[in-house]
Amino acid sequence: IPPIGELRIAKNVFGLRNLSDAQSIVKNVATGANVIVIGSGLVG
């Protein structure tokens, strides 16, 4: 997580490395939400 603004401490910022990350995204991001994905590699 790069040291840009509040990315490292904000509650609604997620990685996608482990199942726990994916579970948090599903739990906290509802249909219709606006999500920014930073990075367009395979994970992104």
Full PDB file with SEQRES, HELIX, SHEET, SSBOND, CRYST1, ORIGX, SCALE, CONECT and MASTER records, all heavy atoms in Angstrom:
SEQRES   1 A   44  ILE PRO PRO ILE GLY GLU LEU ARG ILE ALA LYS ASN VAL          
SEQRES   2 A   44  PHE GLY LEU ARG ASN LEU SER ASP ALA GLN SER ILE VAL          
SEQRES   3 A   44  LYS ASN VAL ALA THR GLY ALA ASN VAL ILE VAL ILE GLY          
SEQRES   4 A   44  SER GLY LEU VAL GLY                                          
HELIX    1 AA1 LEU A   19  ASN A   28  1                                  10    
CRYST1    1.000    1.000    1.000  90.00  90.00  90.00 P 1           1          
ORIGX1      1.000000  0.000000  0.000000        0.00000                         
ORIGX2      0.000000  1.000000  0.000000        0.00000                         
ORIGX3      0.000000  0.000000  1.000000        0.00000                         
SCALE1      1.000000  0.000000  0.000000        0.00000                         
SCALE2      0.000000  1.000000  0.000000        0.00000                         
SCALE3      0.000000  0.000000  1.000000        0.00000                         
ATOM      1  N   ILE A   1       0.866  -1.175   0.000  1.00  0.00           N  
ATOM      2  CA  ILE A   1       0.000   0.000   0.000  1.00  0.00           C  
ATOM      3  C   ILE A   1       0.905   1.229   0.000  1.00  0.00           C  
ATOM      4  O   ILE A   1       1.620   1.465   0.979  1.00  0.00           O  
ATOM      5  CB  ILE A   1      -0.931   0.040   1.225  1.00  0.00           C  
ATOM      6  CG1 ILE A   1      -1.694  -1.279   1.372  1.00  0.00           C  
ATOM      7  CG2 ILE A   1      -1.891   1.225   1.116  1.00  0.00           C  
ATOM      8  CD1 ILE A   1      -2.652  -1.573   0.253  1.00  0.00           C  
ATOM      9  N   PRO A   2       0.933   1.998  -1.065  1.00  0.00           N  
ATOM     10  CA  PRO A   2       1.858   3.137  -1.134  1.00  0.00           C  
ATOM     11  C   PRO A   2       1.478   4.240  -0.149  1.00  0.00           C  
ATOM     12  O   PRO A   2       0.299   4.391   0.213  1.00  0.00           O  
ATOM     13  CB  PRO A   2       1.713   3.619  -2.581  1.00  0.00           C  
ATOM     14  CG  PRO A   2       0.370   3.152  -3.013  1.00  0.00           C  
ATOM     15  CD  PRO A   2       0.116   1.867  -2.279  1.00  0.00           C  
ATOM     16  N   PRO A   3       2.461   5.033   0.288  1.00  0.00           N  
ATOM     17  CA  PRO A   3       2.199   6.100   1.265  1.00  0.00           C  
ATOM     18  C   PRO A   3       1.611   7.341   0.593  1.00  0.00           C  
ATOM     19  O   PRO A   3       2.212   8.422   0.593  1.00  0.00           O  
ATOM     20  CB  PRO A   3       3.588   6.371   1.837  1.00  0.00           C  
ATOM     21  CG  PRO A   3       4.526   6.068   0.712  1.00  0.00           C  
ATOM     22  CD  PRO A   3       3.901   4.908  -0.026  1.00  0.00           C  
ATOM     23  N   ILE A   4       0.442   7.172   0.024  1.00  0.00           N  
ATOM     24  CA  ILE A   4      -0.245   8.273  -0.650  1.00  0.00           C  
ATOM     25  C   ILE A   4      -1.468   8.657   0.178  1.00  0.00           C  
ATOM     26  O   ILE A   4      -2.367   7.828   0.392  1.00  0.00           O  
ATOM     27  CB  ILE A   4      -0.676   7.873  -2.073  1.00  0.00           C  
ATOM     28  CG1 ILE A   4       0.551   7.556  -2.934  1.00  0.00           C  
ATOM     29  CG2 ILE A   4      -1.509   8.977  -2.717  1.00  0.00           C  
ATOM     30  CD1 ILE A   4       0.198   6.994  -4.299  1.00  0.00           C  
ATOM     31  N   GLY A   5      -1.499   9.883   0.654  1.00  0.00           N  
ATOM     32  CA  GLY A   5      -2.632  10.334   1.446  1.00  0.00           C  
ATOM     33  C   GLY A   5      -2.924   9.398   2.602  1.00  0.00           C  
ATOM     34  O   GLY A   5      -2.028   9.022   3.362  1.00  0.00           O  
ATOM     35  N   GLU A   6      -4.191   8.987   2.708  1.00  0.00           N  
ATOM     36  CA  GLU A   6      -4.625   8.121   3.813  1.00  0.00           C  
ATOM     37  C   GLU A   6      -4.801   6.661   3.378  1.00  0.00           C  
ATOM     38  O   GLU A   6      -5.470   5.890   4.069  1.00  0.00           O  
ATOM     39  CB  GLU A   6      -5.962   8.634   4.374  1.00  0.00           C  
ATOM     40  CG  GLU A   6      -5.943  10.084   4.817  1.00  0.00           C  
ATOM     41  CD  GLU A   6      -5.036  10.294   6.026  1.00  0.00           C  
ATOM     42  OE1 GLU A   6      -5.202   9.579   7.020  1.00  0.00           O  
ATOM     43  OE2 GLU A   6      -4.149  11.162   5.952  1.00  0.00           O  
ATOM     44  N   LEU A   7      -4.180   6.264   2.267  1.00  0.00           N  
ATOM     45  CA  LEU A   7      -4.383   4.906   1.763  1.00  0.00           C  
ATOM     46  C   LEU A   7      -4.045   3.844   2.798  1.00  0.00           C  
ATOM     47  O   LEU A   7      -4.698   2.795   2.867  1.00  0.00           O  
ATOM     48  CB  LEU A   7      -3.548   4.672   0.492  1.00  0.00           C  
ATOM     49  CG  LEU A   7      -4.036   5.303  -0.816  1.00  0.00           C  
ATOM     50  CD1 LEU A   7      -3.103   4.939  -1.951  1.00  0.00           C  
ATOM     51  CD2 LEU A   7      -5.462   4.866  -1.140  1.00  0.00           C  
ATOM     52  N   ARG A   8      -3.004   4.082   3.595  1.00  0.00           N  
ATOM     53  CA  ARG A   8      -2.551   3.039   4.531  1.00  0.00           C  
ATOM     54  C   ARG A   8      -3.410   2.915   5.781  1.00  0.00           C  
ATOM     55  O   ARG A   8      -3.305   1.910   6.501  1.00  0.00           O  
ATOM     56  CB  ARG A   8      -1.100   3.289   4.926  1.00  0.00           C  
ATOM     57  CG  ARG A   8      -0.117   3.025   3.788  1.00  0.00           C  
ATOM     58  CD  ARG A   8       1.318   3.160   4.237  1.00  0.00           C  
ATOM     59  NE  ARG A   8       2.241   2.710   3.197  1.00  0.00           N  
ATOM     60  CZ  ARG A   8       3.561   2.739   3.307  1.00  0.00           C  
ATOM     61  NH1 ARG A   8       4.138   3.205   4.414  1.00  0.00           N  
ATOM     62  NH2 ARG A   8       4.323   2.304   2.311  1.00  0.00           N  
ATOM     63  N   ILE A   9      -4.250   3.921   6.048  1.00  0.00           N  
ATOM     64  CA  ILE A   9      -5.003   3.877   7.310  1.00  0.00           C  
ATOM     65  C   ILE A   9      -6.517   3.978   7.119  1.00  0.00           C  
ATOM     66  O   ILE A   9      -7.268   3.715   8.064  1.00  0.00           O  
ATOM     67  CB  ILE A   9      -4.541   4.986   8.280  1.00  0.00           C  
ATOM     68  CG1 ILE A   9      -4.754   6.372   7.650  1.00  0.00           C  
ATOM     69  CG2 ILE A   9      -3.087   4.798   8.676  1.00  0.00           C  
ATOM     70  CD1 ILE A   9      -4.419   7.514   8.598  1.00  0.00           C  
ATOM     71  N   ALA A  10      -6.981   4.337   5.947  1.00  0.00           N  
ATOM     72  CA  ALA A  10      -8.417   4.493   5.734  1.00  0.00           C  
ATOM     73  C   ALA A  10      -9.131   3.145   5.827  1.00  0.00           C  
ATOM     74  O   ALA A  10      -8.592   2.100   5.447  1.00  0.00           O  
ATOM     75  CB  ALA A  10      -8.679   5.140   4.375  1.00  0.00           C  
ATOM     76  N   LYS A  11     -10.364   3.164   6.327  1.00  0.00           N  
ATOM     77  CA  LYS A  11     -11.117   1.941   6.564  1.00  0.00           C  
ATOM     78  C   LYS A  11     -11.614   1.278   5.281  1.00  0.00           C  
ATOM     79  O   LYS A  11     -11.914   0.080   5.279  1.00  0.00           O  
ATOM     80  CB  LYS A  11     -12.315   2.242   7.469  1.00  0.00           C  
ATOM     81  CG  LYS A  11     -11.941   2.774   8.846  1.00  0.00           C  
ATOM     82  CD  LYS A  11     -13.194   3.133   9.631  1.00  0.00           C  
ATOM     83  CE  LYS A  11     -12.851   3.704  10.994  1.00  0.00           C  
ATOM     84  NZ  LYS A  11     -14.062   4.101  11.750  1.00  0.00           N  
ATOM     85  N   ASN A  12     -11.742   2.056   4.220  1.00  0.00           N  
ATOM     86  CA  ASN A  12     -12.327   1.510   2.987  1.00  0.00           C  
ATOM     87  C   ASN A  12     -11.289   1.292   1.894  1.00  0.00           C  
ATOM     88  O   ASN A  12     -11.588   1.381   0.701  1.00  0.00           O  
ATOM     89  CB  ASN A  12     -13.449   2.418   2.484  1.00  0.00           C  
ATOM     90  CG  ASN A  12     -12.966   3.826   2.152  1.00  0.00           C  
ATOM     91  OD1 ASN A  12     -11.953   4.278   2.682  1.00  0.00           O  
ATOM     92  ND2 ASN A  12     -13.700   4.529   1.309  1.00  0.00           N  
ATOM     93  N   VAL A  13     -10.061   0.994   2.296  1.00  0.00           N  
ATOM     94  CA  VAL A  13      -8.986   0.650   1.365  1.00  0.00           C  
ATOM     95  C   VAL A  13      -8.625  -0.823   1.560  1.00  0.00           C  
ATOM     96  O   VAL A  13      -8.397  -1.269   2.690  1.00  0.00           O  
ATOM     97  CB  VAL A  13      -7.744   1.536   1.579  1.00  0.00           C  
ATOM     98  CG1 VAL A  13      -6.605   1.084   0.671  1.00  0.00           C  
ATOM     99  CG2 VAL A  13      -8.089   2.996   1.311  1.00  0.00           C  
ATOM    100  N   PHE A  14      -8.551  -1.571   0.475  1.00  0.00           N  
ATOM    101  CA  PHE A  14      -8.329  -3.009   0.553  1.00  0.00           C  
ATOM    102  C   PHE A  14      -7.238  -3.450  -0.425  1.00  0.00           C  
ATOM    103  O   PHE A  14      -7.067  -2.866  -1.492  1.00  0.00           O  
ATOM    104  CB  PHE A  14      -9.614  -3.773   0.200  1.00  0.00           C  
ATOM    105  CG  PHE A  14     -10.820  -3.321   0.960  1.00  0.00           C  
ATOM    106  CD1 PHE A  14     -11.685  -2.377   0.415  1.00  0.00           C  
ATOM    107  CD2 PHE A  14     -11.099  -3.819   2.216  1.00  0.00           C  
ATOM    108  CE1 PHE A  14     -12.809  -1.954   1.102  1.00  0.00           C  
ATOM    109  CE2 PHE A  14     -12.216  -3.401   2.935  1.00  0.00           C  
ATOM    110  CZ  PHE A  14     -13.073  -2.461   2.366  1.00  0.00           C  
ATOM    111  N   GLY A  15      -6.493  -4.480  -0.044  1.00  0.00           N  
ATOM    112  CA  GLY A  15      -5.661  -5.218  -0.978  1.00  0.00           C  
ATOM    113  C   GLY A  15      -6.480  -6.395  -1.474  1.00  0.00           C  
ATOM    114  O   GLY A  15      -7.652  -6.569  -1.115  1.00  0.00           O  
ATOM    115  N   LEU A  16      -5.876  -7.241  -2.311  1.00  0.00           N  
ATOM    116  CA  LEU A  16      -6.540  -8.479  -2.722  1.00  0.00           C  
ATOM    117  C   LEU A  16      -5.484  -9.568  -2.813  1.00  0.00           C  
ATOM    118  O   LEU A  16      -5.081  -9.998  -3.896  1.00  0.00           O  
ATOM    119  CB  LEU A  16      -7.263  -8.305  -4.056  1.00  0.00           C  
ATOM    120  CG  LEU A  16      -8.113  -9.508  -4.518  1.00  0.00           C  
ATOM    121  CD1 LEU A  16      -9.176  -9.856  -3.487  1.00  0.00           C  
ATOM    122  CD2 LEU A  16      -8.728  -9.264  -5.878  1.00  0.00           C  
ATOM    123  N   ARG A  17      -5.040  -9.986  -1.643  1.00  0.00           N  
ATOM    124  CA  ARG A  17      -3.979 -10.980  -1.575  1.00  0.00           C  
ATOM    125  C   ARG A  17      -4.439 -12.264  -0.904  1.00  0.00           C  
ATOM    126  O   ARG A  17      -3.991 -13.345  -1.237  1.00  0.00           O  
ATOM    127  CB  ARG A  17      -2.797 -10.383  -0.796  1.00  0.00           C  
ATOM    128  CG  ARG A  17      -1.572 -11.254  -0.739  1.00  0.00           C  
ATOM    129  CD  ARG A  17      -1.000 -11.475  -2.123  1.00  0.00           C  
ATOM    130  NE  ARG A  17       0.043 -12.483  -2.119  1.00  0.00           N  
ATOM    131  CZ  ARG A  17       0.594 -12.972  -3.211  1.00  0.00           C  
ATOM    132  NH1 ARG A  17       0.210 -12.546  -4.387  1.00  0.00           N  
ATOM    133  NH2 ARG A  17       1.528 -13.889  -3.141  1.00  0.00           N  
ATOM    134  N   ASN A  18      -5.339 -12.147   0.058  1.00  0.00           N  
ATOM    135  CA  ASN A  18      -5.796 -13.287   0.838  1.00  0.00           C  
ATOM    136  C   ASN A  18      -7.318 -13.351   0.815  1.00  0.00           C  
ATOM    137  O   ASN A  18      -8.001 -12.376   0.480  1.00  0.00           O  
ATOM    138  CB  ASN A  18      -5.309 -13.178   2.285  1.00  0.00           C  
ATOM    139  CG  ASN A  18      -3.804 -13.117   2.370  1.00  0.00           C  
ATOM    140  OD1 ASN A  18      -3.116 -14.033   1.950  1.00  0.00           O  
ATOM    141  ND2 ASN A  18      -3.276 -12.023   2.906  1.00  0.00           N  
ATOM    142  N   LEU A  19      -7.845 -14.498   1.205  1.00  0.00           N  
ATOM    143  CA  LEU A  19      -9.288 -14.654   1.272  1.00  0.00           C  
ATOM    144  C   LEU A  19      -9.905 -13.627   2.203  1.00  0.00           C  
ATOM    145  O   LEU A  19     -10.995 -13.097   1.934  1.00  0.00           O  
ATOM    146  CB  LEU A  19      -9.647 -16.071   1.723  1.00  0.00           C  
ATOM    147  CG  LEU A  19     -11.135 -16.380   1.894  1.00  0.00           C  
ATOM    148  CD1 LEU A  19     -11.897 -16.117   0.599  1.00  0.00           C  
ATOM    149  CD2 LEU A  19     -11.327 -17.821   2.359  1.00  0.00           C  
ATOM    150  N   SER A  20      -9.215 -13.311   3.297  1.00  0.00           N  
ATOM    151  CA  SER A  20      -9.744 -12.311   4.231  1.00  0.00           C  
ATOM    152  C   SER A  20      -9.915 -10.956   3.552  1.00  0.00           C  
ATOM    153  O   SER A  20     -10.859 -10.212   3.855  1.00  0.00           O  
ATOM    154  CB  SER A  20      -8.830 -12.184   5.451  1.00  0.00           C  
ATOM    155  OG  SER A  20      -7.516 -11.840   5.066  1.00  0.00           O  
ATOM    156  N   ASP A  21      -9.014 -10.625   2.605  1.00  0.00           N  
ATOM    157  CA  ASP A  21      -9.167  -9.381   1.844  1.00  0.00           C  
ATOM    158  C   ASP A  21     -10.450  -9.428   1.005  1.00  0.00           C  
ATOM    159  O   ASP A  21     -11.241  -8.479   0.993  1.00  0.00           O  
ATOM    160  CB  ASP A  21      -7.978  -9.161   0.905  1.00  0.00           C  
ATOM    161  CG  ASP A  21      -6.666  -8.980   1.637  1.00  0.00           C  
ATOM    162  OD1 ASP A  21      -6.672  -8.378   2.729  1.00  0.00           O  
ATOM    163  OD2 ASP A  21      -5.637  -9.439   1.112  1.00  0.00           O  
ATOM    164  N   ALA A  22     -10.625 -10.526   0.289  1.00  0.00           N  
ATOM    165  CA  ALA A  22     -11.805 -10.668  -0.565  1.00  0.00           C  
ATOM    166  C   ALA A  22     -13.086 -10.650   0.258  1.00  0.00           C  
ATOM    167  O   ALA A  22     -14.098 -10.053  -0.140  1.00  0.00           O  
ATOM    168  CB  ALA A  22     -11.707 -11.959  -1.379  1.00  0.00           C  
ATOM    169  N   GLN A  23     -13.059 -11.300   1.419  1.00  0.00           N  
ATOM    170  CA  GLN A  23     -14.241 -11.309   2.291  1.00  0.00           C  
ATOM    171  C   GLN A  23     -14.575  -9.899   2.767  1.00  0.00           C  
ATOM    172  O   GLN A  23     -15.753  -9.521   2.833  1.00  0.00           O  
ATOM    173  CB  GLN A  23     -13.995 -12.238   3.478  1.00  0.00           C  
ATOM    174  CG  GLN A  23     -13.965 -13.704   3.094  1.00  0.00           C  
ATOM    175  CD  GLN A  23     -13.486 -14.605   4.226  1.00  0.00           C  
ATOM    176  OE1 GLN A  23     -12.659 -14.206   5.054  1.00  0.00           O  
ATOM    177  NE2 GLN A  23     -13.994 -15.823   4.261  1.00  0.00           N  
ATOM    178  N   SER A  24     -13.550  -9.119   3.086  1.00  0.00           N  
ATOM    179  CA  SER A  24     -13.782  -7.739   3.532  1.00  0.00           C  
ATOM    180  C   SER A  24     -14.384  -6.895   2.414  1.00  0.00           C  
ATOM    181  O   SER A  24     -15.271  -6.062   2.649  1.00  0.00           O  
ATOM    182  CB  SER A  24     -12.474  -7.108   4.016  1.00  0.00           C  
ATOM    183  OG  SER A  24     -11.997  -7.747   5.172  1.00  0.00           O  
ATOM    184  N   ILE A  25     -13.907  -7.102   1.184  1.00  0.00           N  
ATOM    185  CA  ILE A  25     -14.441  -6.345   0.051  1.00  0.00           C  
ATOM    186  C   ILE A  25     -15.915  -6.682  -0.154  1.00  0.00           C  
ATOM    187  O   ILE A  25     -16.759  -5.794  -0.308  1.00  0.00           O  
ATOM    188  CB  ILE A  25     -13.625  -6.643  -1.221  1.00  0.00           C  
ATOM    189  CG1 ILE A  25     -12.203  -6.095  -1.081  1.00  0.00           C  
ATOM    190  CG2 ILE A  25     -14.298  -6.020  -2.451  1.00  0.00           C  
ATOM    191  CD1 ILE A  25     -11.256  -6.549  -2.176  1.00  0.00           C  
ATOM    192  N   VAL A  26     -16.241  -7.977  -0.174  1.00  0.00           N  
ATOM    193  CA  VAL A  26     -17.626  -8.392  -0.375  1.00  0.00           C  
ATOM    194  C   VAL A  26     -18.522  -7.846   0.732  1.00  0.00           C  
ATOM    195  O   VAL A  26     -19.654  -7.400   0.478  1.00  0.00           O  
ATOM    196  CB  VAL A  26     -17.710  -9.933  -0.440  1.00  0.00           C  
ATOM    197  CG1 VAL A  26     -19.158 -10.398  -0.378  1.00  0.00           C  
ATOM    198  CG2 VAL A  26     -17.052 -10.443  -1.711  1.00  0.00           C  
ATOM    199  N   LYS A  27     -18.020  -7.838   1.948  1.00  0.00           N  
ATOM    200  CA  LYS A  27     -18.805  -7.377   3.094  1.00  0.00           C  
ATOM    201  C   LYS A  27     -19.050  -5.870   3.055  1.00  0.00           C  
ATOM    202  O   LYS A  27     -20.116  -5.395   3.462  1.00  0.00           O  
ATOM    203  CB  LYS A  27     -18.093  -7.762   4.391  1.00  0.00           C  
ATOM    204  CG  LYS A  27     -18.812  -7.317   5.658  1.00  0.00           C  
ATOM    205  CD  LYS A  27     -18.036  -7.744   6.896  1.00  0.00           C  
ATOM    206  CE  LYS A  27     -18.742  -7.258   8.168  1.00  0.00           C  
ATOM    207  NZ  LYS A  27     -17.975  -7.650   9.386  1.00  0.00           N  
ATOM    208  N   ASN A  28     -18.073  -5.117   2.574  1.00  0.00           N  
ATOM    209  CA  ASN A  28     -18.138  -3.659   2.705  1.00  0.00           C  
ATOM    210  C   ASN A  28     -18.464  -2.902   1.417  1.00  0.00           C  
ATOM    211  O   ASN A  28     -18.718  -1.699   1.466  1.00  0.00           O  
ATOM    212  CB  ASN A  28     -16.801  -3.142   3.245  1.00  0.00           C  
ATOM    213  CG  ASN A  28     -16.556  -3.558   4.679  1.00  0.00           C  
ATOM    214  OD1 ASN A  28     -17.124  -2.999   5.605  1.00  0.00           O  
ATOM    215  ND2 ASN A  28     -15.707  -4.558   4.866  1.00  0.00           N  
ATOM    216  N   VAL A  29     -18.433  -3.577   0.272  1.00  0.00           N  
ATOM    217  CA  VAL A  29     -18.677  -2.895  -1.004  1.00  0.00           C  
ATOM    218  C   VAL A  29     -19.967  -3.433  -1.611  1.00  0.00           C  
ATOM    219  O   VAL A  29     -20.024  -4.581  -2.051  1.00  0.00           O  
ATOM    220  CB  VAL A  29     -17.498  -3.087  -1.976  1.00  0.00           C  
ATOM    221  CG1 VAL A  29     -17.775  -2.363  -3.284  1.00  0.00           C  
ATOM    222  CG2 VAL A  29     -16.200  -2.576  -1.348  1.00  0.00           C  
ATOM    223  N   ALA A  30     -20.988  -2.588  -1.652  1.00  0.00           N  
ATOM    224  CA  ALA A  30     -22.306  -3.017  -2.108  1.00  0.00           C  
ATOM    225  C   ALA A  30     -22.472  -2.814  -3.614  1.00  0.00           C  
ATOM    226  O   ALA A  30     -21.765  -2.012  -4.236  1.00  0.00           O  
ATOM    227  CB  ALA A  30     -23.388  -2.244  -1.361  1.00  0.00           C  
ATOM    228  N   THR A  31     -23.414  -3.533  -4.191  1.00  0.00           N  
ATOM    229  CA  THR A  31     -23.763  -3.340  -5.590  1.00  0.00           C  
ATOM    230  C   THR A  31     -24.102  -1.873  -5.844  1.00  0.00           C  
ATOM    231  O   THR A  31     -24.818  -1.250  -5.058  1.00  0.00           O  
ATOM    232  CB  THR A  31     -24.965  -4.229  -5.968  1.00  0.00           C  
ATOM    233  OG1 THR A  31     -24.596  -5.599  -5.784  1.00  0.00           O  
ATOM    234  CG2 THR A  31     -25.391  -3.998  -7.407  1.00  0.00           C  
ATOM    235  N   GLY A  32     -23.563  -1.333  -6.930  1.00  0.00           N  
ATOM    236  CA  GLY A  32     -23.807   0.061  -7.252  1.00  0.00           C  
ATOM    237  C   GLY A  32     -22.768   1.020  -6.709  1.00  0.00           C  
ATOM    238  O   GLY A  32     -22.788   2.205  -7.050  1.00  0.00           O  
ATOM    239  N   ALA A  33     -21.868   0.523  -5.871  1.00  0.00           N  
ATOM    240  CA  ALA A  33     -20.820   1.381  -5.302  1.00  0.00           C  
ATOM    241  C   ALA A  33     -19.821   1.783  -6.381  1.00  0.00           C  
ATOM    242  O   ALA A  33     -19.680   1.118  -7.411  1.00  0.00           O  
ATOM    243  CB  ALA A  33     -20.105   0.653  -4.166  1.00  0.00           C  
ATOM    244  N   ASN A  34     -19.118   2.879  -6.131  1.00  0.00           N  
ATOM    245  CA  ASN A  34     -18.061   3.353  -7.024  1.00  0.00           C  
ATOM    246  C   ASN A  34     -16.713   2.987  -6.424  1.00  0.00           C  
ATOM    247  O   ASN A  34     -16.357   3.461  -5.342  1.00  0.00           O  
ATOM    248  CB  ASN A  34     -18.149   4.863  -7.207  1.00  0.00           C  
ATOM    249  CG  ASN A  34     -19.431   5.278  -7.889  1.00  0.00           C  
ATOM    250  OD1 ASN A  34     -19.785   4.756  -8.941  1.00  0.00           O  
ATOM    251  ND2 ASN A  34     -20.165   6.207  -7.287  1.00  0.00           N  
ATOM    252  N   VAL A  35     -15.970   2.138  -7.124  1.00  0.00           N  
ATOM    253  CA  VAL A  35     -14.694   1.638  -6.615  1.00  0.00           C  
ATOM    254  C   VAL A  35     -13.568   2.037  -7.557  1.00  0.00           C  
ATOM    255  O   VAL A  35     -13.694   1.891  -8.786  1.00  0.00           O  
ATOM    256  CB  VAL A  35     -14.718   0.098  -6.463  1.00  0.00           C  
ATOM    257  CG1 VAL A  35     -13.349  -0.422  -6.043  1.00  0.00           C  
ATOM    258  CG2 VAL A  35     -15.767  -0.310  -5.443  1.00  0.00           C  
ATOM    259  N   ILE A  36     -12.474   2.515  -6.987  1.00  0.00           N  
ATOM    260  CA  ILE A  36     -11.272   2.798  -7.762  1.00  0.00           C  
ATOM    261  C   ILE A  36     -10.280   1.669  -7.522  1.00  0.00           C  
ATOM    262  O   ILE A  36      -9.961   1.344  -6.374  1.00  0.00           O  
ATOM    263  CB  ILE A  36     -10.645   4.142  -7.364  1.00  0.00           C  
ATOM    264  CG1 ILE A  36     -11.604   5.285  -7.703  1.00  0.00           C  
ATOM    265  CG2 ILE A  36      -9.303   4.352  -8.082  1.00  0.00           C  
ATOM    266  CD1 ILE A  36     -11.142   6.634  -7.197  1.00  0.00           C  
ATOM    267  N   VAL A  37      -9.814   1.046  -8.592  1.00  0.00           N  
ATOM    268  CA  VAL A  37      -8.762   0.032  -8.512  1.00  0.00           C  
ATOM    269  C   VAL A  37      -7.467   0.698  -8.949  1.00  0.00           C  
ATOM    270  O   VAL A  37      -7.351   1.147 -10.096  1.00  0.00           O  
ATOM    271  CB  VAL A  37      -9.072  -1.179  -9.406  1.00  0.00           C  
ATOM    272  CG1 VAL A  37      -7.912  -2.178  -9.358  1.00  0.00           C  
ATOM    273  CG2 VAL A  37     -10.365  -1.852  -8.963  1.00  0.00           C  
ATOM    274  N   ILE A  38      -6.500   0.778  -8.039  1.00  0.00           N  
ATOM    275  CA  ILE A  38      -5.214   1.386  -8.362  1.00  0.00           C  
ATOM    276  C   ILE A  38      -4.254   0.277  -8.775  1.00  0.00           C  
ATOM    277  O   ILE A  38      -3.889  -0.573  -7.976  1.00  0.00           O  
ATOM    278  CB  ILE A  38      -4.642   2.163  -7.163  1.00  0.00           C  
ATOM    279  CG1 ILE A  38      -5.618   3.262  -6.734  1.00  0.00           C  
ATOM    280  CG2 ILE A  38      -3.290   2.778  -7.517  1.00  0.00           C  
ATOM    281  CD1 ILE A  38      -5.153   4.056  -5.524  1.00  0.00           C  
ATOM    282  N   GLY A  39      -3.862   0.272 -10.034  1.00  0.00           N  
ATOM    283  CA  GLY A  39      -2.986  -0.764 -10.568  1.00  0.00           C  
ATOM    284  C   GLY A  39      -3.747  -1.695 -11.492  1.00  0.00           C  
ATOM    285  O   GLY A  39      -4.826  -2.185 -11.135  1.00  0.00           O  
ATOM    286  N   SER A  40      -3.199  -1.935 -12.677  1.00  0.00           N  
ATOM    287  CA  SER A  40      -3.902  -2.770 -13.660  1.00  0.00           C  
ATOM    288  C   SER A  40      -3.114  -4.022 -14.008  1.00  0.00           C  
ATOM    289  O   SER A  40      -3.202  -4.527 -15.127  1.00  0.00           O  
ATOM    290  CB  SER A  40      -4.173  -1.963 -14.938  1.00  0.00           C  
ATOM    291  OG  SER A  40      -2.963  -1.715 -15.644  1.00  0.00           O  
ATOM    292  N   GLY A  41      -2.337  -4.544 -13.049  1.00  0.00           N  
ATOM    293  CA  GLY A  41      -1.709  -5.840 -13.245  1.00  0.00           C  
ATOM    294  C   GLY A  41      -2.751  -6.937 -13.127  1.00  0.00           C  
ATOM    295  O   GLY A  41      -3.963  -6.681 -13.099  1.00  0.00           O  
ATOM    296  N   LEU A  42      -2.307  -8.179 -13.026  1.00  0.00           N  
ATOM    297  CA  LEU A  42      -3.254  -9.290 -12.963  1.00  0.00           C  
ATOM    298  C   LEU A  42      -4.186  -9.197 -11.762  1.00  0.00           C  
ATOM    299  O   LEU A  42      -5.381  -9.467 -11.871  1.00  0.00           O  
ATOM    300  CB  LEU A  42      -2.489 -10.614 -12.937  1.00  0.00           C  
ATOM    301  CG  LEU A  42      -2.025 -11.140 -14.295  1.00  0.00           C  
ATOM    302  CD1 LEU A  42      -1.130 -12.360 -14.119  1.00  0.00           C  
ATOM    303  CD2 LEU A  42      -3.210 -11.478 -15.179  1.00  0.00           C  
ATOM    304  N   VAL A  43      -3.650  -8.804 -10.605  1.00  0.00           N  
ATOM    305  CA  VAL A  43      -4.496  -8.696  -9.410  1.00  0.00           C  
ATOM    306  C   VAL A  43      -5.522  -7.590  -9.592  1.00  0.00           C  
ATOM    307  O   VAL A  43      -6.709  -7.755  -9.276  1.00  0.00           O  
ATOM    308  CB  VAL A  43      -3.647  -8.456  -8.158  1.00  0.00           C  
ATOM    309  CG1 VAL A  43      -4.535  -8.177  -6.942  1.00  0.00           C  
ATOM    310  CG2 VAL A  43      -2.750  -9.662  -7.871  1.00  0.00           C  
ATOM    311  N   GLY A  44      -5.077  -6.454 -10.102  1.00  0.00           N  
ATOM    312  CA  GLY A  44      -5.996  -5.351 -10.311  1.00  0.00           C  
ATOM    313  C   GLY A  44      -7.106  -5.679 -11.294  1.00  0.00           C  
ATOM    314  O   GLY A  44      -8.281  -5.364 -11.073  1.00  0.00           O  
TER     315      GLY A  44                                                      
MASTER        0    0    0    1    0    0    0    6  314    1    0    4          
END                                                                             
